Amino acid sequence: MIKRTLDARRLRRAHAHGLAPAPTAPLPPVLAAAPDDRSVDLRRRREQLTAQVAELQWDLGGLVYEMAVRNRIRTDVLVRRAAALQEAESELGEVERILRMEETGAAGSCLVCRAPHSGGAVFCWQCGAGLLEQVSSDAIAAS
C-alpha cells in the first residue's frame, strides 16, 4: 500500500514537471439503448465526468502550486491540462443538459419569455411567439 502511494506521488511529480504524459483514463462511451437504459447510462456518465472534472481541477491546482513553489511555470503544460479540464466540463454540461431535458420533457425554451416547450411545438404556450425560425424564400433559393 505504501509503495503504491509513493509510486503515485512520483508519477504526479513527473507529470507536474512535464516529464511524463498526463494520465488519461478512457471513459466508456454512452451506450445507445432503450430510453430507460439510456438515462441510467447518462447518469452513470455524469457521475464519471463529475469525478473526472473534480480530479482534473485538483491536479491543475496542484500543478500550478508545484510550479510556483519551484519558480518554474510552464504555460504549455498548464494550457494542455486546462484544455483537458475544459473538454471534460463541456461534456459534463452537455450530459446534464440532456438529462434535464429528459426529466422535464421539455425540448427547449421560448426565446421571448423563456417558457419551456415540448418537441414539435410551433408556438409558445405562454406568450404565443413562434418557435420556428422564419426563413425568407430568397435564403432558401440561395442554399
Foldseek 3Di string as FASTA:
>chain_A
DVVVVVVVVVVLVCLLVVNDDDDDDDDDDQDDDPPVSSLVSLVVLLVVLVVVLVVLVVSLVVSVVVCVVVVHDDVVSSVVSVVVSVVSVVVSVVSVVVNVCVVVQFPFAAPPPRHTHHPPDQADPPPGHGPDDDDDPVVVVVD
